[in-house]
Amino acid sequence: MDWTSIFQWFSNTWAAKVIADSIWLFPAIEAIHIVALTVLLGAILFLDLQMLGVVRRDTPVGTLADDLDPWLFSSLVIILFSGLLLFSSEAMKLYISAPFKLKMIALLVAIVFHFTIQRWVIRADAVRSRPAWNRVTATISILLWLTVGFSGRAIGFF
């Protein structure tokens, strides 16, 4: 697969040209992206802290996960859409960016981890308490999402 042609195609889209030619559109989309990321990381972190037993000990982790799902899912959709717009406007720059590659790998792993393994551990907790699995899962989740956030922030510096 030729990644160069894919990145080049994104950089030649109508949206990419509009965003790149605008003085305010990229910062506006980036602000939306960061706010949605903050909401997502807040929901994930709160859920992880609950799995670690730090907060909301009176609420079952499954109930908290159900309550946070709309926030998590809607912010993830906004992040993916705004991220695609931001990516398209500087695709060729990102083609050679190591932090961007790390962010994309960490994002994919974090999403898959959350919607598979972490969900399984959360649902299993409702049946039988497994504090060790909760702690391990929450720690991995926090590390994955911090990698997404920090590598995303590093894109502008490297």
N, C-alpha and C. Protein backbone atom coordinates (compact mmCIF):
# COMPACT_ATOMS: atom_id res chain seq x y z
N MET A 1 0.84 -1.18 0.00
CA MET A 1 0.00 0.00 0.00
C MET A 1 0.89 1.24 0.00
N ASP A 2 0.55 2.17 -0.84
CA ASP A 2 1.32 3.41 -0.95
C ASP A 2 0.67 4.50 -0.09
N TRP A 3 1.25 4.70 1.11
CA TRP A 3 0.71 5.69 2.05
C TRP A 3 0.85 7.11 1.52
N THR A 4 1.87 7.36 0.73
CA THR A 4 2.10 8.71 0.21
C THR A 4 0.91 9.18 -0.61
N SER A 5 0.38 8.32 -1.45
CA SER A 5 -0.76 8.73 -2.29
C SER A 5 -2.02 8.96 -1.46
N ILE A 6 -2.18 8.22 -0.38
CA ILE A 6 -3.34 8.43 0.50
C ILE A 6 -3.23 9.79 1.19
N PHE A 7 -2.07 10.07 1.73
CA PHE A 7 -1.86 11.36 2.40
C PHE A 7 -1.99 12.50 1.39
N GLN A 8 -1.47 12.30 0.19
CA GLN A 8 -1.57 13.32 -0.86
C GLN A 8 -3.03 13.56 -1.24
N TRP A 9 -3.81 12.50 -1.32
CA TRP A 9 -5.23 12.64 -1.66
C TRP A 9 -5.94 13.49 -0.61
N PHE A 10 -5.67 13.19 0.68
CA PHE A 10 -6.29 13.98 1.75
C PHE A 10 -5.89 15.45 1.66
N SER A 11 -4.64 15.72 1.35
CA SER A 11 -4.18 17.11 1.28
C SER A 11 -4.76 17.86 0.08
N ASN A 12 -5.30 17.14 -0.90
CA ASN A 12 -5.90 17.78 -2.08
C ASN A 12 -7.42 17.87 -2.03
N THR A 13 -8.02 17.48 -0.92
CA THR A 13 -9.48 17.55 -0.83
C THR A 13 -9.93 19.01 -0.69
N TRP A 14 -11.18 19.22 -1.01
CA TRP A 14 -11.76 20.56 -0.91
C TRP A 14 -11.68 21.08 0.53
N ALA A 15 -12.02 20.23 1.50
CA ALA A 15 -11.98 20.64 2.91
C ALA A 15 -10.57 21.04 3.33
N ALA A 16 -9.58 20.28 2.89
CA ALA A 16 -8.19 20.59 3.24
C ALA A 16 -7.79 21.96 2.73
N LYS A 17 -8.18 22.26 1.50
CA LYS A 17 -7.81 23.55 0.91
C LYS A 17 -8.51 24.71 1.61
N VAL A 18 -9.79 24.51 1.95
CA VAL A 18 -10.54 25.57 2.65
C VAL A 18 -9.91 25.84 4.02
N ILE A 19 -9.61 24.78 4.75
CA ILE A 19 -9.03 24.94 6.08
C ILE A 19 -7.64 25.55 6.00
N ALA A 20 -6.83 25.10 5.06
CA ALA A 20 -5.47 25.62 4.94
C ALA A 20 -5.46 27.08 4.51
N ASP A 21 -6.44 27.50 3.73
CA ASP A 21 -6.49 28.88 3.24
C ASP A 21 -7.12 29.85 4.23
N SER A 22 -7.76 29.33 5.26
CA SER A 22 -8.43 30.18 6.24
C SER A 22 -7.49 30.50 7.39
N ILE A 23 -7.58 31.72 7.88
CA ILE A 23 -6.73 32.12 9.00
C ILE A 23 -7.32 31.67 10.34
N TRP A 24 -8.62 31.46 10.40
CA TRP A 24 -9.26 31.14 11.67
C TRP A 24 -9.86 29.74 11.74
N LEU A 25 -10.05 29.07 10.62
CA LEU A 25 -10.74 27.78 10.61
C LEU A 25 -9.95 26.67 11.31
N PHE A 26 -8.66 26.56 11.05
CA PHE A 26 -7.85 25.54 11.71
C PHE A 26 -7.87 25.71 13.23
N PRO A 27 -7.63 26.92 13.77
CA PRO A 27 -7.67 27.07 15.23
C PRO A 27 -9.06 26.79 15.82
N ALA A 28 -10.12 27.12 15.08
CA ALA A 28 -11.47 26.86 15.57
C ALA A 28 -11.74 25.35 15.64
N ILE A 29 -11.35 24.64 14.60
CA ILE A 29 -11.54 23.18 14.59
C ILE A 29 -10.66 22.54 15.66
N GLU A 30 -9.46 23.04 15.82
CA GLU A 30 -8.55 22.50 16.83
C GLU A 30 -9.11 22.72 18.24
N ALA A 31 -9.74 23.87 18.47
CA ALA A 31 -10.34 24.14 19.77
C ALA A 31 -11.47 23.14 20.06
N ILE A 32 -12.30 22.89 19.07
CA ILE A 32 -13.37 21.90 19.22
C ILE A 32 -12.77 20.52 19.49
N HIS A 33 -11.73 20.19 18.77
CA HIS A 33 -11.04 18.90 18.92
C HIS A 33 -10.51 18.76 20.36
N ILE A 34 -9.90 19.80 20.88
CA ILE A 34 -9.31 19.75 22.22
C ILE A 34 -10.39 19.69 23.30
N VAL A 35 -11.47 20.44 23.12
CA VAL A 35 -12.57 20.38 24.10
C VAL A 35 -13.18 18.97 24.12
N ALA A 36 -13.40 18.40 22.95
CA ALA A 36 -13.95 17.04 22.88
C ALA A 36 -12.98 16.03 23.49
N LEU A 37 -11.69 16.23 23.25
CA LEU A 37 -10.68 15.35 23.84
C LEU A 37 -10.71 15.46 25.37
N THR A 38 -10.89 16.66 25.87
CA THR A 38 -10.97 16.87 27.31
C THR A 38 -12.18 16.16 27.91
N VAL A 39 -13.32 16.24 27.23
CA VAL A 39 -14.51 15.55 27.70
C VAL A 39 -14.28 14.03 27.68
N LEU A 40 -13.71 13.54 26.59
CA LEU A 40 -13.44 12.10 26.47
C LEU A 40 -12.48 11.64 27.56
N LEU A 41 -11.37 12.34 27.71
CA LEU A 41 -10.38 11.94 28.71
C LEU A 41 -10.94 12.08 30.12
N GLY A 42 -11.79 13.08 30.34
CA GLY A 42 -12.43 13.22 31.65
C GLY A 42 -13.33 12.04 31.97
N ALA A 43 -14.13 11.62 31.00
CA ALA A 43 -15.02 10.47 31.20
C ALA A 43 -14.21 9.20 31.41
N ILE A 44 -13.20 9.00 30.58
CA ILE A 44 -12.36 7.80 30.70
C ILE A 44 -11.62 7.79 32.04
N LEU A 45 -11.04 8.94 32.40
CA LEU A 45 -10.28 9.02 33.64
C LEU A 45 -11.18 8.78 34.85
N PHE A 46 -12.39 9.35 34.83
CA PHE A 46 -13.31 9.15 35.95
C PHE A 46 -13.69 7.68 36.07
N LEU A 47 -13.94 7.04 34.94
CA LEU A 47 -14.26 5.61 34.94
C LEU A 47 -13.06 4.80 35.44
N ASP A 48 -11.87 5.14 34.98
CA ASP A 48 -10.66 4.43 35.41
C ASP A 48 -10.40 4.63 36.90
N LEU A 49 -10.59 5.85 37.37
CA LEU A 49 -10.39 6.10 38.81
C LEU A 49 -11.40 5.33 39.64
N GLN A 50 -12.61 5.17 39.13
CA GLN A 50 -13.61 4.37 39.83
C GLN A 50 -13.18 2.90 39.85
N MET A 51 -12.62 2.43 38.73
CA MET A 51 -12.14 1.05 38.68
C MET A 51 -10.97 0.83 39.63
N LEU A 52 -10.20 1.89 39.86
CA LEU A 52 -9.09 1.81 40.81
C LEU A 52 -9.55 1.94 42.26
N GLY A 53 -10.82 2.28 42.45
CA GLY A 53 -11.36 2.43 43.79
C GLY A 53 -11.09 3.78 44.43
N VAL A 54 -10.75 4.78 43.62
CA VAL A 54 -10.41 6.10 44.15
C VAL A 54 -11.65 6.98 44.31
N VAL A 55 -12.60 6.86 43.39
CA VAL A 55 -13.80 7.71 43.43
C VAL A 55 -15.06 6.84 43.35
N ARG A 56 -16.17 7.37 43.78
CA ARG A 56 -17.51 6.77 43.67
C ARG A 56 -17.55 5.30 44.06
N ARG A 57 -17.06 5.00 45.22
CA ARG A 57 -17.04 3.61 45.67
C ARG A 57 -18.44 3.06 45.92
N ASP A 58 -19.41 3.97 46.07
CA ASP A 58 -20.78 3.54 46.33
C ASP A 58 -21.55 3.18 45.05
N THR A 59 -20.96 3.45 43.90
CA THR A 59 -21.61 3.19 42.61
C THR A 59 -20.91 2.04 41.90
N PRO A 60 -21.68 1.05 41.44
CA PRO A 60 -21.05 -0.03 40.67
C PRO A 60 -20.42 0.52 39.39
N VAL A 61 -19.29 -0.04 39.01
CA VAL A 61 -18.55 0.46 37.85
C VAL A 61 -19.40 0.34 36.58
N GLY A 62 -20.22 -0.68 36.48
CA GLY A 62 -21.08 -0.84 35.30
C GLY A 62 -22.10 0.29 35.18
N THR A 63 -22.65 0.72 36.31
CA THR A 63 -23.61 1.83 36.31
C THR A 63 -22.93 3.12 35.89
N LEU A 64 -21.75 3.36 36.43
CA LEU A 64 -21.00 4.57 36.06
C LEU A 64 -20.64 4.54 34.57
N ALA A 65 -20.23 3.37 34.07
CA ALA A 65 -19.90 3.24 32.64
C ALA A 65 -21.12 3.54 31.78
N ASP A 66 -22.28 3.05 32.19
CA ASP A 66 -23.51 3.34 31.44
C ASP A 66 -23.84 4.83 31.45
N ASP A 67 -23.62 5.48 32.59
CA ASP A 67 -23.88 6.92 32.70
C ASP A 67 -22.92 7.75 31.85
N LEU A 68 -21.68 7.30 31.73
CA LEU A 68 -20.67 8.05 30.99
C LEU A 68 -20.66 7.74 29.49
N ASP A 69 -21.30 6.65 29.09
CA ASP A 69 -21.27 6.24 27.68
C ASP A 69 -21.70 7.33 26.70
N PRO A 70 -22.80 8.06 26.93
CA PRO A 70 -23.17 9.10 25.95
C PRO A 70 -22.10 10.17 25.81
N TRP A 71 -21.47 10.56 26.89
CA TRP A 71 -20.40 11.56 26.85
C TRP A 71 -19.19 11.03 26.11
N LEU A 72 -18.85 9.81 26.43
CA LEU A 72 -17.68 9.18 25.83
C LEU A 72 -17.88 9.01 24.32
N PHE A 73 -19.01 8.45 23.94
CA PHE A 73 -19.25 8.16 22.53
C PHE A 73 -19.37 9.44 21.71
N SER A 74 -20.14 10.43 22.20
CA SER A 74 -20.32 11.67 21.42
C SER A 74 -19.01 12.44 21.30
N SER A 75 -18.22 12.47 22.35
CA SER A 75 -16.93 13.18 22.25
C SER A 75 -15.98 12.43 21.33
N LEU A 76 -16.04 11.12 21.32
CA LEU A 76 -15.19 10.34 20.42
C LEU A 76 -15.55 10.62 18.96
N VAL A 77 -16.84 10.71 18.66
CA VAL A 77 -17.28 11.03 17.29
C VAL A 77 -16.78 12.42 16.88
N ILE A 78 -16.89 13.39 17.78
CA ILE A 78 -16.44 14.76 17.49
C ILE A 78 -14.92 14.77 17.28
N ILE A 79 -14.20 14.04 18.12
CA ILE A 79 -12.74 13.98 17.99
C ILE A 79 -12.33 13.38 16.65
N LEU A 80 -12.96 12.30 16.27
CA LEU A 80 -12.60 11.64 15.01
C LEU A 80 -12.93 12.53 13.81
N PHE A 81 -14.08 13.19 13.83
CA PHE A 81 -14.45 14.07 12.71
C PHE A 81 -13.55 15.30 12.64
N SER A 82 -13.37 15.97 13.77
CA SER A 82 -12.52 17.17 13.76
C SER A 82 -11.06 16.79 13.49
N GLY A 83 -10.63 15.66 13.99
CA GLY A 83 -9.26 15.20 13.71
C GLY A 83 -9.04 14.91 12.24
N LEU A 84 -10.04 14.36 11.59
CA LEU A 84 -9.94 14.11 10.15
C LEU A 84 -9.81 15.42 9.38
N LEU A 85 -10.56 16.43 9.80
CA LEU A 85 -10.45 17.74 9.15
C LEU A 85 -9.07 18.36 9.37
N LEU A 86 -8.59 18.29 10.61
CA LEU A 86 -7.27 18.83 10.92
C LEU A 86 -6.18 18.07 10.14
N PHE A 87 -6.32 16.76 10.11
CA PHE A 87 -5.35 15.94 9.38
C PHE A 87 -5.31 16.31 7.90
N SER A 88 -6.48 16.46 7.30
CA SER A 88 -6.51 16.72 5.86
C SER A 88 -5.83 18.04 5.51
N SER A 89 -5.90 19.00 6.41
CA SER A 89 -5.33 20.31 6.10
C SER A 89 -3.80 20.34 6.16
N GLU A 90 -3.21 19.33 6.78
CA GLU A 90 -1.74 19.27 6.83
C GLU A 90 -1.25 17.82 6.73
N ALA A 91 -1.88 17.08 5.84
CA ALA A 91 -1.59 15.65 5.71
C ALA A 91 -0.13 15.37 5.35
N MET A 92 0.42 16.13 4.43
CA MET A 92 1.80 15.85 4.00
C MET A 92 2.81 16.17 5.11
N LYS A 93 2.52 17.15 5.93
CA LYS A 93 3.37 17.45 7.08
C LYS A 93 3.31 16.29 8.08
N LEU A 94 2.12 15.74 8.26
CA LEU A 94 1.94 14.65 9.21
C LEU A 94 2.49 13.32 8.70
N TYR A 95 2.67 13.24 7.41
CA TYR A 95 3.19 12.01 6.81
C TYR A 95 4.56 11.64 7.40
N ILE A 96 5.36 12.65 7.72
CA ILE A 96 6.70 12.39 8.26
C ILE A 96 6.78 12.59 9.78
N SER A 97 5.65 12.80 10.43
CA SER A 97 5.63 13.10 11.86
C SER A 97 5.57 11.82 12.70
N ALA A 98 6.62 11.57 13.47
CA ALA A 98 6.65 10.40 14.36
C ALA A 98 5.59 10.50 15.47
N PRO A 99 5.39 11.68 16.10
CA PRO A 99 4.34 11.77 17.11
C PRO A 99 2.94 11.50 16.54
N PHE A 100 2.70 11.90 15.30
CA PHE A 100 1.41 11.62 14.67
C PHE A 100 1.21 10.11 14.51
N LYS A 101 2.24 9.42 14.06
CA LYS A 101 2.14 7.97 13.90
C LYS A 101 1.90 7.29 15.24
N LEU A 102 2.61 7.75 16.28
CA LEU A 102 2.40 7.20 17.62
C LEU A 102 0.98 7.47 18.09
N LYS A 103 0.49 8.67 17.85
CA LYS A 103 -0.87 9.02 18.27
C LYS A 103 -1.90 8.13 17.59
N MET A 104 -1.75 7.92 16.30
CA MET A 104 -2.72 7.10 15.57
C MET A 104 -2.71 5.65 16.05
N ILE A 105 -1.52 5.12 16.32
CA ILE A 105 -1.43 3.76 16.83
C ILE A 105 -2.03 3.67 18.23
N ALA A 106 -1.68 4.62 19.09
CA ALA A 106 -2.21 4.63 20.46
C ALA A 106 -3.72 4.84 20.46
N LEU A 107 -4.22 5.69 19.56
CA LEU A 107 -5.66 5.93 19.48
C LEU A 107 -6.40 4.67 19.08
N LEU A 108 -5.91 3.99 18.07
CA LEU A 108 -6.54 2.75 17.63
C LEU A 108 -6.53 1.71 18.75
N VAL A 109 -5.38 1.53 19.40
CA VAL A 109 -5.27 0.56 20.48
C VAL A 109 -6.17 0.95 21.65
N ALA A 110 -6.21 2.25 22.00
CA ALA A 110 -7.03 2.71 23.13
C ALA A 110 -8.52 2.50 22.86
N ILE A 111 -8.97 2.78 21.65
CA ILE A 111 -10.38 2.59 21.31
C ILE A 111 -10.73 1.11 21.34
N VAL A 112 -9.92 0.29 20.71
CA VAL A 112 -10.18 -1.16 20.71
C VAL A 112 -10.14 -1.70 22.14
N PHE A 113 -9.15 -1.28 22.91
CA PHE A 113 -9.03 -1.72 24.31
C PHE A 113 -10.27 -1.34 25.10
N HIS A 114 -10.72 -0.09 24.96
CA HIS A 114 -11.87 0.37 25.74
C HIS A 114 -13.13 -0.40 25.39
N PHE A 115 -13.39 -0.57 24.09
CA PHE A 115 -14.65 -1.18 23.68
C PHE A 115 -14.61 -2.71 23.68
N THR A 116 -13.48 -3.31 24.02
CA THR A 116 -13.42 -4.77 24.12
C THR A 116 -13.03 -5.19 25.53
N ILE A 117 -11.76 -5.12 25.84
CA ILE A 117 -11.25 -5.63 27.11
C ILE A 117 -11.82 -4.87 28.30
N GLN A 118 -11.78 -3.54 28.24
CA GLN A 118 -12.27 -2.77 29.38
C GLN A 118 -13.77 -3.00 29.58
N ARG A 119 -14.54 -3.06 28.50
CA ARG A 119 -15.97 -3.34 28.62
C ARG A 119 -16.21 -4.71 29.25
N TRP A 120 -15.41 -5.70 28.83
CA TRP A 120 -15.56 -7.03 29.38
C TRP A 120 -15.28 -7.03 30.89
N VAL A 121 -14.22 -6.34 31.31
CA VAL A 121 -13.88 -6.28 32.73
C VAL A 121 -14.97 -5.55 33.51
N ILE A 122 -15.50 -4.47 32.94
CA ILE A 122 -16.56 -3.71 33.61
C ILE A 122 -17.80 -4.58 33.79
N ARG A 123 -18.21 -5.29 32.76
CA ARG A 123 -19.40 -6.13 32.83
C ARG A 123 -19.16 -7.33 33.76
N ALA A 124 -17.94 -7.87 33.77
CA ALA A 124 -17.62 -8.99 34.66
C ALA A 124 -17.66 -8.54 36.11
N ASP A 125 -17.33 -7.27 36.37
CA ASP A 125 -17.33 -6.73 37.73
C ASP A 125 -18.73 -6.78 38.33
N ALA A 126 -19.75 -6.62 37.48
CA ALA A 126 -21.11 -6.66 37.99
C ALA A 126 -21.47 -8.06 38.49
N VAL A 127 -20.86 -9.08 37.92
CA VAL A 127 -21.14 -10.45 38.31
C VAL A 127 -20.30 -10.86 39.51
N ARG A 128 -19.02 -10.57 39.44
CA ARG A 128 -18.09 -10.97 40.48
C ARG A 128 -17.01 -9.90 40.60
N SER A 129 -16.74 -9.48 41.81
CA SER A 129 -15.74 -8.43 42.02
C SER A 129 -14.35 -8.96 41.71
N ARG A 130 -13.63 -8.22 40.86
CA ARG A 130 -12.26 -8.58 40.50
C ARG A 130 -11.39 -7.34 40.61
N PRO A 131 -11.04 -6.97 41.81
CA PRO A 131 -10.28 -5.72 41.99
C PRO A 131 -8.93 -5.70 41.28
N ALA A 132 -8.26 -6.82 41.20
CA ALA A 132 -6.96 -6.84 40.53
C ALA A 132 -7.13 -6.56 39.04
N TRP A 133 -8.09 -7.21 38.40
CA TRP A 133 -8.35 -6.97 36.97
C TRP A 133 -8.79 -5.53 36.75
N ASN A 134 -9.59 -5.00 37.65
CA ASN A 134 -10.02 -3.60 37.52
C ASN A 134 -8.81 -2.67 37.55
N ARG A 135 -7.91 -2.89 38.47
CA ARG A 135 -6.72 -2.02 38.59
C ARG A 135 -5.81 -2.13 37.37
N VAL A 136 -5.57 -3.33 36.91
CA VAL A 136 -4.72 -3.53 35.74
C VAL A 136 -5.35 -2.88 34.51
N THR A 137 -6.63 -3.12 34.31
CA THR A 137 -7.34 -2.57 33.15
C THR A 137 -7.35 -1.04 33.20
N ALA A 138 -7.65 -0.48 34.35
CA ALA A 138 -7.69 0.98 34.49
C ALA A 138 -6.31 1.59 34.25
N THR A 139 -5.28 0.96 34.74
CA THR A 139 -3.92 1.47 34.55
C THR A 139 -3.53 1.45 33.07
N ILE A 140 -3.82 0.35 32.38
CA ILE A 140 -3.53 0.28 30.95
C ILE A 140 -4.31 1.34 30.19
N SER A 141 -5.57 1.51 30.54
CA SER A 141 -6.41 2.52 29.88
C SER A 141 -5.85 3.93 30.06
N ILE A 142 -5.48 4.26 31.28
CA ILE A 142 -4.92 5.59 31.55
C ILE A 142 -3.64 5.80 30.73
N LEU A 143 -2.78 4.81 30.70
CA LEU A 143 -1.53 4.93 29.95
C LEU A 143 -1.78 5.09 28.45
N LEU A 144 -2.72 4.33 27.91
CA LEU A 144 -3.03 4.45 26.48
C LEU A 144 -3.57 5.83 26.14
N TRP A 145 -4.53 6.32 26.91
CA TRP A 145 -5.14 7.62 26.60
C TRP A 145 -4.17 8.77 26.85
N LEU A 146 -3.30 8.64 27.85
CA LEU A 146 -2.27 9.67 28.05
C LEU A 146 -1.29 9.68 26.88
N THR A 147 -0.99 8.52 26.34
CA THR A 147 -0.14 8.44 25.16
C THR A 147 -0.78 9.16 23.98
N VAL A 148 -2.09 8.95 23.81
CA VAL A 148 -2.82 9.66 22.74
C VAL A 148 -2.72 11.16 22.94
N GLY A 149 -2.99 11.63 24.14
CA GLY A 149 -2.97 13.07 24.42
C GLY A 149 -1.60 13.69 24.29
N PHE A 150 -0.60 13.07 24.90
CA PHE A 150 0.75 13.64 24.86
C PHE A 150 1.37 13.57 23.47
N SER A 151 1.15 12.48 22.76
CA SER A 151 1.71 12.40 21.40
C SER A 151 0.99 13.37 20.48
N GLY A 152 -0.31 13.58 20.70
CA GLY A 152 -1.02 14.60 19.92
C GLY A 152 -0.47 15.98 20.18
N ARG A 153 -0.16 16.25 21.41
CA ARG A 153 0.42 17.56 21.75
C ARG A 153 1.82 17.70 21.16
N ALA A 154 2.55 16.61 21.08
CA ALA A 154 3.93 16.63 20.56
C ALA A 154 3.98 16.88 19.06
N ILE A 155 2.87 16.67 18.36
CA ILE A 155 2.86 16.85 16.91
C ILE A 155 3.32 18.27 16.54
N GLY A 156 2.90 19.25 17.29
CA GLY A 156 3.26 20.63 16.98
C GLY A 156 4.71 20.98 17.25
N PHE A 157 5.41 20.13 17.99
CA PHE A 157 6.79 20.43 18.36
C PHE A 157 7.83 19.63 17.60
N PHE A 158 7.42 18.55 16.95
CA PHE A 158 8.40 17.70 16.26
C PHE A 158 8.04 17.54 14.80
